[in-house]
Amino acid sequence: MPHDSDHVERVKRLALFIAEREGGDLEVIRTAAELHDVARDEDNHAIRGAEVARKILMEKGHDEKFIEEVCHCIEAHSFSSGIEPRTLEAKILSDADKLDAMGAIGVARVFMYSGERGRSIEDTLRHFEEKLLRLQSMMHTETGRKIAAERHRFLEEFYRRIKTELRLEDIRDI
């Protein structure tokens, strides 16, 4: 599954890596990364996830400031939520989540998702055009932009290659 515990762990590692270079409250970032997809199967998972996270963190006795910081990160992490990250921590989580949708892992994830949903290769390539190939321009941190540049190159090359193979252009001279 493309949004499983492995995804959450990769996002957490990426977020902490970015935070080591950019700053930010590591505990807010770690907690937000661990909870960012807690409501993944629901409509508007980022908003609903922040609500679920708020309840979890209140039950654990965290203070209101910490809870609000974590919840803002969760609400603002999603490509489709439309909420702009206002804090460094939220920007870091947003970058980390988007980076996991790029590069070789991003390609694997999008085809896993497409397989689960029964989408065709052509439908999957539309997802590349509508989302994946746009992610590089949405990075908020310098570290995120550097990582995204390499992963974006891979996405572009894969996209070009699969389009070429679909048109059979790679075998015309054989």
N, C-alpha and C. Protein backbone atom coordinates (compact mmCIF):
# COMPACT_ATOMS: atom_id res chain seq x y z
N MET A 1 0.84 -1.19 0.00
CA MET A 1 0.00 0.00 0.00
C MET A 1 0.88 1.25 0.00
N PRO A 2 0.54 2.22 -0.82
CA PRO A 2 1.40 3.40 -0.96
C PRO A 2 1.39 4.35 0.24
N HIS A 3 0.38 4.25 1.11
CA HIS A 3 0.32 5.12 2.29
C HIS A 3 0.36 4.30 3.57
N ASP A 4 1.26 3.34 3.61
CA ASP A 4 1.35 2.43 4.75
C ASP A 4 2.38 2.93 5.77
N SER A 5 2.68 2.07 6.74
CA SER A 5 3.63 2.45 7.79
C SER A 5 5.03 2.70 7.22
N ASP A 6 5.38 2.05 6.12
CA ASP A 6 6.68 2.32 5.50
C ASP A 6 6.73 3.75 4.97
N HIS A 7 5.64 4.21 4.37
CA HIS A 7 5.55 5.61 3.90
C HIS A 7 5.72 6.56 5.08
N VAL A 8 5.01 6.30 6.17
CA VAL A 8 5.09 7.17 7.34
C VAL A 8 6.53 7.21 7.86
N GLU A 9 7.18 6.07 7.91
CA GLU A 9 8.57 6.03 8.39
C GLU A 9 9.50 6.79 7.45
N ARG A 10 9.33 6.64 6.14
CA ARG A 10 10.17 7.39 5.19
C ARG A 10 9.95 8.89 5.34
N VAL A 11 8.69 9.30 5.47
CA VAL A 11 8.39 10.73 5.64
C VAL A 11 9.03 11.25 6.93
N LYS A 12 8.95 10.47 7.98
CA LYS A 12 9.57 10.89 9.25
C LYS A 12 11.08 11.05 9.09
N ARG A 13 11.72 10.07 8.46
CA ARG A 13 13.18 10.16 8.26
C ARG A 13 13.55 11.36 7.40
N LEU A 14 12.81 11.58 6.32
CA LEU A 14 13.06 12.74 5.46
C LEU A 14 12.86 14.04 6.23
N ALA A 15 11.77 14.12 6.98
CA ALA A 15 11.47 15.35 7.73
C ALA A 15 12.57 15.64 8.75
N LEU A 16 13.03 14.63 9.45
CA LEU A 16 14.10 14.84 10.44
C LEU A 16 15.42 15.20 9.76
N PHE A 17 15.68 14.60 8.60
CA PHE A 17 16.88 14.94 7.82
C PHE A 17 16.83 16.42 7.42
N ILE A 18 15.70 16.86 6.89
CA ILE A 18 15.55 18.26 6.50
C ILE A 18 15.70 19.17 7.71
N ALA A 19 15.08 18.79 8.82
CA ALA A 19 15.13 19.60 10.04
C ALA A 19 16.56 19.75 10.57
N GLU A 20 17.37 18.72 10.41
CA GLU A 20 18.77 18.81 10.84
C GLU A 20 19.49 19.94 10.11
N ARG A 21 19.09 20.22 8.89
CA ARG A 21 19.73 21.25 8.09
C ARG A 21 19.03 22.59 8.14
N GLU A 22 17.73 22.58 8.38
CA GLU A 22 16.93 23.80 8.31
C GLU A 22 16.52 24.35 9.69
N GLY A 23 16.57 23.51 10.70
CA GLY A 23 16.10 23.91 12.02
C GLY A 23 14.69 23.41 12.26
N GLY A 24 14.05 23.98 13.27
CA GLY A 24 12.69 23.56 13.60
C GLY A 24 12.66 22.71 14.84
N ASP A 25 11.49 22.59 15.39
CA ASP A 25 11.27 21.81 16.61
C ASP A 25 11.17 20.33 16.23
N LEU A 26 12.19 19.57 16.60
CA LEU A 26 12.25 18.16 16.19
C LEU A 26 11.10 17.34 16.74
N GLU A 27 10.65 17.63 17.95
CA GLU A 27 9.55 16.85 18.52
C GLU A 27 8.24 17.13 17.80
N VAL A 28 8.00 18.37 17.42
CA VAL A 28 6.81 18.70 16.63
C VAL A 28 6.88 17.99 15.28
N ILE A 29 8.03 18.05 14.65
CA ILE A 29 8.21 17.44 13.33
C ILE A 29 8.04 15.92 13.41
N ARG A 30 8.68 15.30 14.38
CA ARG A 30 8.59 13.84 14.54
C ARG A 30 7.14 13.41 14.78
N THR A 31 6.47 14.09 15.70
CA THR A 31 5.10 13.73 16.04
C THR A 31 4.16 13.95 14.86
N ALA A 32 4.31 15.08 14.18
CA ALA A 32 3.46 15.37 13.02
C ALA A 32 3.69 14.35 11.92
N ALA A 33 4.94 13.97 11.69
CA ALA A 33 5.24 12.97 10.65
C ALA A 33 4.61 11.62 11.01
N GLU A 34 4.70 11.24 12.27
CA GLU A 34 4.13 9.96 12.69
C GLU A 34 2.61 9.93 12.55
N LEU A 35 1.97 11.07 12.69
CA LEU A 35 0.51 11.14 12.67
C LEU A 35 -0.07 11.71 11.36
N HIS A 36 0.77 12.09 10.42
CA HIS A 36 0.28 12.86 9.27
C HIS A 36 -0.75 12.13 8.41
N ASP A 37 -0.73 10.83 8.39
CA ASP A 37 -1.69 10.07 7.59
C ASP A 37 -2.64 9.24 8.46
N VAL A 38 -2.85 9.66 9.68
CA VAL A 38 -3.69 8.90 10.62
C VAL A 38 -5.12 8.75 10.12
N ALA A 39 -5.58 9.64 9.27
CA ALA A 39 -6.94 9.56 8.71
C ALA A 39 -6.89 9.40 7.20
N ARG A 40 -5.91 8.70 6.70
CA ARG A 40 -5.65 8.61 5.26
C ARG A 40 -6.84 8.13 4.45
N ASP A 41 -7.64 7.25 4.98
CA ASP A 41 -8.74 6.69 4.21
C ASP A 41 -10.01 7.54 4.23
N GLU A 42 -9.94 8.72 4.81
CA GLU A 42 -11.11 9.58 4.90
C GLU A 42 -11.01 10.73 3.91
N ASP A 43 -12.16 11.31 3.57
CA ASP A 43 -12.16 12.50 2.72
C ASP A 43 -11.40 13.60 3.43
N ASN A 44 -10.66 14.39 2.66
CA ASN A 44 -9.82 15.45 3.20
C ASN A 44 -9.02 14.95 4.40
N HIS A 45 -8.16 13.98 4.14
CA HIS A 45 -7.45 13.28 5.22
C HIS A 45 -6.58 14.21 6.06
N ALA A 46 -6.11 15.31 5.49
CA ALA A 46 -5.25 16.21 6.25
C ALA A 46 -6.05 16.92 7.35
N ILE A 47 -7.21 17.43 7.00
CA ILE A 47 -8.05 18.12 8.00
C ILE A 47 -8.55 17.12 9.03
N ARG A 48 -9.05 15.99 8.56
CA ARG A 48 -9.55 14.96 9.48
C ARG A 48 -8.40 14.42 10.33
N GLY A 49 -7.23 14.26 9.74
CA GLY A 49 -6.07 13.77 10.47
C GLY A 49 -5.67 14.71 11.60
N ALA A 50 -5.75 16.02 11.34
CA ALA A 50 -5.45 16.99 12.41
C ALA A 50 -6.44 16.85 13.55
N GLU A 51 -7.70 16.60 13.25
CA GLU A 51 -8.72 16.41 14.30
C GLU A 51 -8.42 15.16 15.13
N VAL A 52 -8.08 14.07 14.44
CA VAL A 52 -7.76 12.82 15.13
C VAL A 52 -6.49 13.00 15.97
N ALA A 53 -5.49 13.65 15.40
CA ALA A 53 -4.22 13.88 16.11
C ALA A 53 -4.46 14.74 17.35
N ARG A 54 -5.30 15.75 17.23
CA ARG A 54 -5.61 16.61 18.38
C ARG A 54 -6.14 15.77 19.55
N LYS A 55 -7.05 14.88 19.24
CA LYS A 55 -7.64 14.03 20.28
C LYS A 55 -6.57 13.12 20.90
N ILE A 56 -5.76 12.50 20.07
CA ILE A 56 -4.70 11.61 20.55
C ILE A 56 -3.74 12.38 21.45
N LEU A 57 -3.31 13.54 21.00
CA LEU A 57 -2.31 14.30 21.76
C LEU A 57 -2.89 14.87 23.04
N MET A 58 -4.17 15.25 23.03
CA MET A 58 -4.81 15.71 24.26
C MET A 58 -4.88 14.58 25.28
N GLU A 59 -5.24 13.38 24.80
CA GLU A 59 -5.31 12.22 25.69
C GLU A 59 -3.95 11.88 26.28
N LYS A 60 -2.89 12.18 25.54
CA LYS A 60 -1.53 11.91 26.04
C LYS A 60 -1.02 13.03 26.94
N GLY A 61 -1.80 14.10 27.09
CA GLY A 61 -1.44 15.18 28.01
C GLY A 61 -0.51 16.24 27.48
N HIS A 62 -0.39 16.36 26.16
CA HIS A 62 0.46 17.40 25.59
C HIS A 62 -0.18 18.77 25.78
N ASP A 63 0.65 19.80 25.84
CA ASP A 63 0.11 21.16 26.02
C ASP A 63 -0.49 21.68 24.71
N GLU A 64 -1.35 22.68 24.84
CA GLU A 64 -2.12 23.20 23.71
C GLU A 64 -1.23 23.75 22.60
N LYS A 65 -0.14 24.43 22.96
CA LYS A 65 0.75 25.00 21.95
C LYS A 65 1.36 23.89 21.08
N PHE A 66 1.85 22.84 21.71
CA PHE A 66 2.43 21.71 20.99
C PHE A 66 1.38 21.07 20.07
N ILE A 67 0.20 20.86 20.61
CA ILE A 67 -0.89 20.24 19.84
C ILE A 67 -1.22 21.09 18.61
N GLU A 68 -1.32 22.39 18.79
CA GLU A 68 -1.66 23.28 17.67
C GLU A 68 -0.56 23.25 16.61
N GLU A 69 0.70 23.23 17.03
CA GLU A 69 1.81 23.19 16.08
C GLU A 69 1.79 21.89 15.27
N VAL A 70 1.58 20.77 15.95
CA VAL A 70 1.53 19.47 15.27
C VAL A 70 0.33 19.43 14.32
N CYS A 71 -0.81 19.88 14.79
CA CYS A 71 -2.03 19.83 13.96
C CYS A 71 -1.91 20.73 12.74
N HIS A 72 -1.27 21.89 12.87
CA HIS A 72 -1.08 22.73 11.69
C HIS A 72 -0.20 22.01 10.66
N CYS A 73 0.85 21.34 11.12
CA CYS A 73 1.70 20.58 10.20
C CYS A 73 0.88 19.55 9.44
N ILE A 74 0.02 18.85 10.15
CA ILE A 74 -0.79 17.79 9.53
C ILE A 74 -1.77 18.38 8.53
N GLU A 75 -2.47 19.47 8.90
CA GLU A 75 -3.45 20.07 7.98
C GLU A 75 -2.79 20.60 6.71
N ALA A 76 -1.57 21.10 6.85
CA ALA A 76 -0.92 21.77 5.72
C ALA A 76 -0.01 20.86 4.90
N HIS A 77 0.12 19.59 5.28
CA HIS A 77 1.08 18.73 4.57
C HIS A 77 0.59 18.27 3.21
N SER A 78 -0.70 18.22 3.01
CA SER A 78 -1.27 17.55 1.84
C SER A 78 -1.26 18.41 0.59
N PHE A 79 -0.94 17.77 -0.52
CA PHE A 79 -0.97 18.41 -1.84
C PHE A 79 -2.35 19.01 -2.10
N SER A 80 -3.38 18.28 -1.72
CA SER A 80 -4.74 18.69 -2.08
C SER A 80 -5.50 19.45 -1.00
N SER A 81 -4.90 19.65 0.17
CA SER A 81 -5.64 20.33 1.25
C SER A 81 -5.83 21.82 0.97
N GLY A 82 -4.90 22.40 0.21
CA GLY A 82 -4.99 23.82 -0.10
C GLY A 82 -4.62 24.73 1.05
N ILE A 83 -4.07 24.18 2.12
CA ILE A 83 -3.66 24.99 3.27
C ILE A 83 -2.16 25.23 3.18
N GLU A 84 -1.77 26.49 3.18
CA GLU A 84 -0.35 26.85 3.10
C GLU A 84 0.32 26.65 4.46
N PRO A 85 1.45 25.98 4.49
CA PRO A 85 2.18 25.84 5.75
C PRO A 85 2.72 27.20 6.22
N ARG A 86 2.43 27.56 7.48
CA ARG A 86 2.85 28.85 8.04
C ARG A 86 4.12 28.76 8.87
N THR A 87 4.45 27.57 9.34
CA THR A 87 5.60 27.41 10.22
C THR A 87 6.69 26.61 9.51
N LEU A 88 7.90 26.73 10.00
CA LEU A 88 9.01 25.95 9.45
C LEU A 88 8.71 24.46 9.57
N GLU A 89 8.16 24.04 10.69
CA GLU A 89 7.86 22.63 10.90
C GLU A 89 6.85 22.12 9.87
N ALA A 90 5.83 22.92 9.60
CA ALA A 90 4.81 22.53 8.61
C ALA A 90 5.42 22.48 7.21
N LYS A 91 6.31 23.42 6.91
CA LYS A 91 6.98 23.41 5.61
C LYS A 91 7.84 22.16 5.46
N ILE A 92 8.51 21.78 6.52
CA ILE A 92 9.36 20.59 6.48
C ILE A 92 8.53 19.34 6.26
N LEU A 93 7.43 19.18 6.99
CA LEU A 93 6.58 18.00 6.79
C LEU A 93 5.99 17.98 5.38
N SER A 94 5.56 19.12 4.90
CA SER A 94 5.02 19.20 3.54
C SER A 94 6.07 18.76 2.53
N ASP A 95 7.28 19.25 2.66
CA ASP A 95 8.36 18.86 1.74
C ASP A 95 8.63 17.36 1.83
N ALA A 96 8.73 16.83 3.05
CA ALA A 96 9.05 15.41 3.23
C ALA A 96 7.98 14.52 2.60
N ASP A 97 6.72 14.87 2.79
CA ASP A 97 5.64 14.07 2.23
C ASP A 97 5.66 14.12 0.70
N LYS A 98 5.93 15.27 0.15
CA LYS A 98 5.98 15.40 -1.31
C LYS A 98 7.21 14.68 -1.87
N LEU A 99 8.32 14.74 -1.16
CA LEU A 99 9.52 14.04 -1.62
C LEU A 99 9.29 12.53 -1.71
N ASP A 100 8.46 11.99 -0.83
CA ASP A 100 8.19 10.55 -0.87
C ASP A 100 7.32 10.17 -2.06
N ALA A 101 6.75 11.15 -2.73
CA ALA A 101 5.97 10.91 -3.94
C ALA A 101 6.80 11.13 -5.20
N MET A 102 8.09 11.39 -5.02
CA MET A 102 8.99 11.67 -6.14
C MET A 102 10.06 10.58 -6.24
N GLY A 103 10.81 10.59 -7.32
CA GLY A 103 11.91 9.66 -7.49
C GLY A 103 11.42 8.23 -7.69
N ALA A 104 12.31 7.28 -7.48
CA ALA A 104 11.99 5.87 -7.70
C ALA A 104 10.87 5.41 -6.76
N ILE A 105 10.91 5.85 -5.51
CA ILE A 105 9.86 5.47 -4.57
C ILE A 105 8.52 6.04 -5.04
N GLY A 106 8.53 7.26 -5.52
CA GLY A 106 7.29 7.87 -6.01
C GLY A 106 6.70 7.09 -7.18
N VAL A 107 7.57 6.64 -8.09
CA VAL A 107 7.10 5.84 -9.23
C VAL A 107 6.49 4.54 -8.71
N ALA A 108 7.19 3.87 -7.80
CA ALA A 108 6.66 2.62 -7.25
C ALA A 108 5.32 2.86 -6.57
N ARG A 109 5.24 3.91 -5.78
CA ARG A 109 3.99 4.19 -5.05
C ARG A 109 2.84 4.49 -6.00
N VAL A 110 3.08 5.28 -7.03
CA VAL A 110 1.97 5.64 -7.92
C VAL A 110 1.46 4.42 -8.69
N PHE A 111 2.35 3.52 -9.05
CA PHE A 111 1.88 2.32 -9.74
C PHE A 111 1.22 1.33 -8.77
N MET A 112 1.67 1.30 -7.52
CA MET A 112 0.96 0.49 -6.51
C MET A 112 -0.47 1.01 -6.34
N TYR A 113 -0.59 2.31 -6.20
CA TYR A 113 -1.90 2.94 -6.02
C TYR A 113 -2.79 2.68 -7.24
N SER A 114 -2.21 2.84 -8.41
CA SER A 114 -2.98 2.60 -9.64
C SER A 114 -3.43 1.15 -9.73
N GLY A 115 -2.57 0.23 -9.34
CA GLY A 115 -2.94 -1.18 -9.34
C GLY A 115 -4.09 -1.46 -8.39
N GLU A 116 -4.03 -0.86 -7.20
CA GLU A 116 -5.12 -1.02 -6.23
C GLU A 116 -6.44 -0.51 -6.77
N ARG A 117 -6.38 0.58 -7.54
CA ARG A 117 -7.59 1.24 -8.04
C ARG A 117 -7.99 0.78 -9.44
N GLY A 118 -7.18 -0.07 -10.05
CA GLY A 118 -7.49 -0.55 -11.39
C GLY A 118 -7.30 0.50 -12.47
N ARG A 119 -6.41 1.47 -12.22
CA ARG A 119 -6.17 2.51 -13.23
C ARG A 119 -5.22 1.99 -14.30
N SER A 120 -5.41 2.48 -15.50
CA SER A 120 -4.56 2.10 -16.63
C SER A 120 -3.22 2.85 -16.55
N ILE A 121 -2.29 2.44 -17.39
CA ILE A 121 -1.01 3.15 -17.48
C ILE A 121 -1.25 4.59 -17.91
N GLU A 122 -2.14 4.79 -18.87
CA GLU A 122 -2.42 6.14 -19.36
C GLU A 122 -3.01 7.02 -18.25
N ASP A 123 -3.92 6.46 -17.45
CA ASP A 123 -4.47 7.21 -16.31
C ASP A 123 -3.37 7.54 -15.30
N THR A 124 -2.48 6.61 -15.10
CA THR A 124 -1.37 6.83 -14.16
C THR A 124 -0.46 7.94 -14.68
N LEU A 125 -0.21 7.95 -15.97
CA LEU A 125 0.63 9.01 -16.55
C LEU A 125 -0.03 10.37 -16.44
N ARG A 126 -1.35 10.41 -16.48
CA ARG A 126 -2.05 11.69 -16.24
C ARG A 126 -1.78 12.17 -14.82
N HIS A 127 -1.68 11.22 -13.88
CA HIS A 127 -1.36 11.59 -12.50
C HIS A 127 0.05 12.20 -12.43
N PHE A 128 0.97 11.65 -13.21
CA PHE A 128 2.30 12.25 -13.30
C PHE A 128 2.17 13.72 -13.72
N GLU A 129 1.38 13.95 -14.77
CA GLU A 129 1.24 15.30 -15.32
C GLU A 129 0.52 16.24 -14.35
N GLU A 130 -0.52 15.75 -13.71
CA GLU A 130 -1.34 16.60 -12.84
C GLU A 130 -0.71 16.83 -11.47
N LYS A 131 0.12 15.90 -11.00
CA LYS A 131 0.66 16.04 -9.64
C LYS A 131 2.17 15.85 -9.56
N LEU A 132 2.64 14.66 -9.87
CA LEU A 132 4.04 14.32 -9.56
C LEU A 132 5.04 15.26 -10.20
N LEU A 133 4.83 15.60 -11.47
CA LEU A 133 5.79 16.47 -12.16
C LEU A 133 5.68 17.93 -11.71
N ARG A 134 4.72 18.25 -10.88
CA ARG A 134 4.56 19.61 -10.35
C ARG A 134 5.14 19.76 -8.94
N LEU A 135 5.46 18.65 -8.29
CA LEU A 135 5.85 18.70 -6.88
C LEU A 135 7.15 19.48 -6.64
N GLN A 136 8.09 19.39 -7.56
CA GLN A 136 9.37 20.08 -7.36
C GLN A 136 9.16 21.58 -7.11
N SER A 137 8.22 22.16 -7.81
CA SER A 137 7.99 23.61 -7.68
C SER A 137 7.27 23.97 -6.38
N MET A 138 6.87 22.98 -5.61
CA MET A 138 6.12 23.23 -4.38
C MET A 138 6.95 23.07 -3.12
N MET A 139 8.24 22.88 -3.26
CA MET A 139 9.11 22.73 -2.10
C MET A 139 9.26 24.05 -1.36
N HIS A 140 9.32 23.97 -0.05
CA HIS A 140 9.39 25.17 0.79
C HIS A 140 10.79 25.42 1.36
N THR A 141 11.58 24.37 1.51
CA THR A 141 12.89 24.53 2.15
C THR A 141 14.00 24.34 1.12
N GLU A 142 15.15 24.90 1.40
CA GLU A 142 16.30 24.75 0.52
C GLU A 142 16.71 23.28 0.42
N THR A 143 16.72 22.58 1.55
CA THR A 143 17.08 21.17 1.55
C THR A 143 16.07 20.37 0.75
N GLY A 144 14.80 20.66 0.91
CA GLY A 144 13.76 19.99 0.13
C GLY A 144 13.94 20.22 -1.36
N ARG A 145 14.28 21.45 -1.72
CA ARG A 145 14.50 21.76 -3.15
C ARG A 145 15.68 20.98 -3.72
N LYS A 146 16.74 20.82 -2.94
CA LYS A 146 17.91 20.08 -3.41
C LYS A 146 17.58 18.60 -3.63
N ILE A 147 16.89 18.00 -2.68
CA ILE A 147 16.51 16.59 -2.82
C ILE A 147 15.53 16.43 -3.99
N ALA A 148 14.59 17.35 -4.08
CA ALA A 148 13.57 17.29 -5.12
C ALA A 148 14.17 17.39 -6.51
N ALA A 149 15.22 18.16 -6.67
CA ALA A 149 15.82 18.34 -7.99
C ALA A 149 16.25 17.00 -8.58
N GLU A 150 16.93 16.19 -7.80
CA GLU A 150 17.39 14.88 -8.29
C GLU A 150 16.21 13.94 -8.51
N ARG A 151 15.28 13.91 -7.58
CA ARG A 151 14.13 13.02 -7.72
C ARG A 151 13.25 13.45 -8.91
N HIS A 152 13.17 14.74 -9.15
CA HIS A 152 12.39 15.24 -10.28
C HIS A 152 13.03 14.80 -11.60
N ARG A 153 14.36 14.85 -11.67
CA ARG A 153 15.05 14.40 -12.89
C ARG A 153 14.70 12.94 -13.20
N PHE A 154 14.67 12.13 -12.14
CA PHE A 154 14.32 10.72 -12.33
C PHE A 154 12.87 10.59 -12.83
N LEU A 155 11.95 11.33 -12.22
CA LEU A 155 10.55 11.29 -12.65
C LEU A 155 10.42 11.67 -14.12
N GLU A 156 11.10 12.75 -14.51
CA GLU A 156 11.04 13.19 -15.91
C GLU A 156 11.58 12.13 -16.85
N GLU A 157 12.71 11.54 -16.49
CA GLU A 157 13.31 10.52 -17.34
C GLU A 157 12.39 9.30 -17.43
N PHE A 158 11.84 8.86 -16.32
CA PHE A 158 10.92 7.72 -16.35
C PHE A 158 9.70 8.04 -17.21
N TYR A 159 9.15 9.22 -17.01
CA TYR A 159 7.96 9.65 -17.76
C TYR A 159 8.26 9.66 -19.27
N ARG A 160 9.39 10.25 -19.64
CA ARG A 160 9.77 10.27 -21.07
C ARG A 160 9.93 8.85 -21.60
N ARG A 161 10.60 8.02 -20.82
CA ARG A 161 10.89 6.65 -21.27
C ARG A 161 9.61 5.85 -21.46
N ILE A 162 8.70 5.91 -20.52
CA ILE A 162 7.47 5.12 -20.65
C ILE A 162 6.61 5.64 -21.80
N LYS A 163 6.60 6.96 -22.00
CA LYS A 163 5.85 7.52 -23.14
C LYS A 163 6.47 7.03 -24.45
N THR A 164 7.78 6.98 -24.53
CA THR A 164 8.48 6.50 -25.71
C THR A 164 8.13 5.03 -25.97
N GLU A 165 8.17 4.21 -24.93
CA GLU A 165 7.86 2.80 -25.09
C GLU A 165 6.41 2.58 -25.48
N LEU A 166 5.51 3.37 -24.95
CA LEU A 166 4.09 3.24 -25.31
C LEU A 166 3.87 3.56 -26.79
N ARG A 167 4.68 4.46 -27.33
CA ARG A 167 4.57 4.81 -28.76
C ARG A 167 5.41 3.88 -29.63
N LEU A 168 6.13 2.93 -29.01
CA LEU A 168 7.01 1.98 -29.68
C LEU A 168 8.20 2.65 -30.36
N GLU A 169 8.51 3.87 -29.98
CA GLU A 169 9.62 4.57 -30.61
C GLU A 169 10.97 3.97 -30.26
N ASP A 170 11.04 3.20 -29.19
CA ASP A 170 12.31 2.64 -28.77
C ASP A 170 12.70 1.40 -29.59
N ILE A 171 11.80 0.91 -30.43
CA ILE A 171 12.11 -0.31 -31.19
C ILE A 171 11.99 -0.13 -32.70
N ARG A 172 11.76 1.07 -33.14
CA ARG A 172 11.53 1.30 -34.58
C ARG A 172 12.75 0.95 -35.44
N ASP A 173 13.95 1.10 -34.90
CA ASP A 173 15.15 0.85 -35.73
C ASP A 173 15.69 -0.56 -35.60
N ILE A 174 14.98 -1.43 -34.95
CA ILE A 174 15.47 -2.81 -34.78
C ILE A 174 15.20 -3.61 -36.03
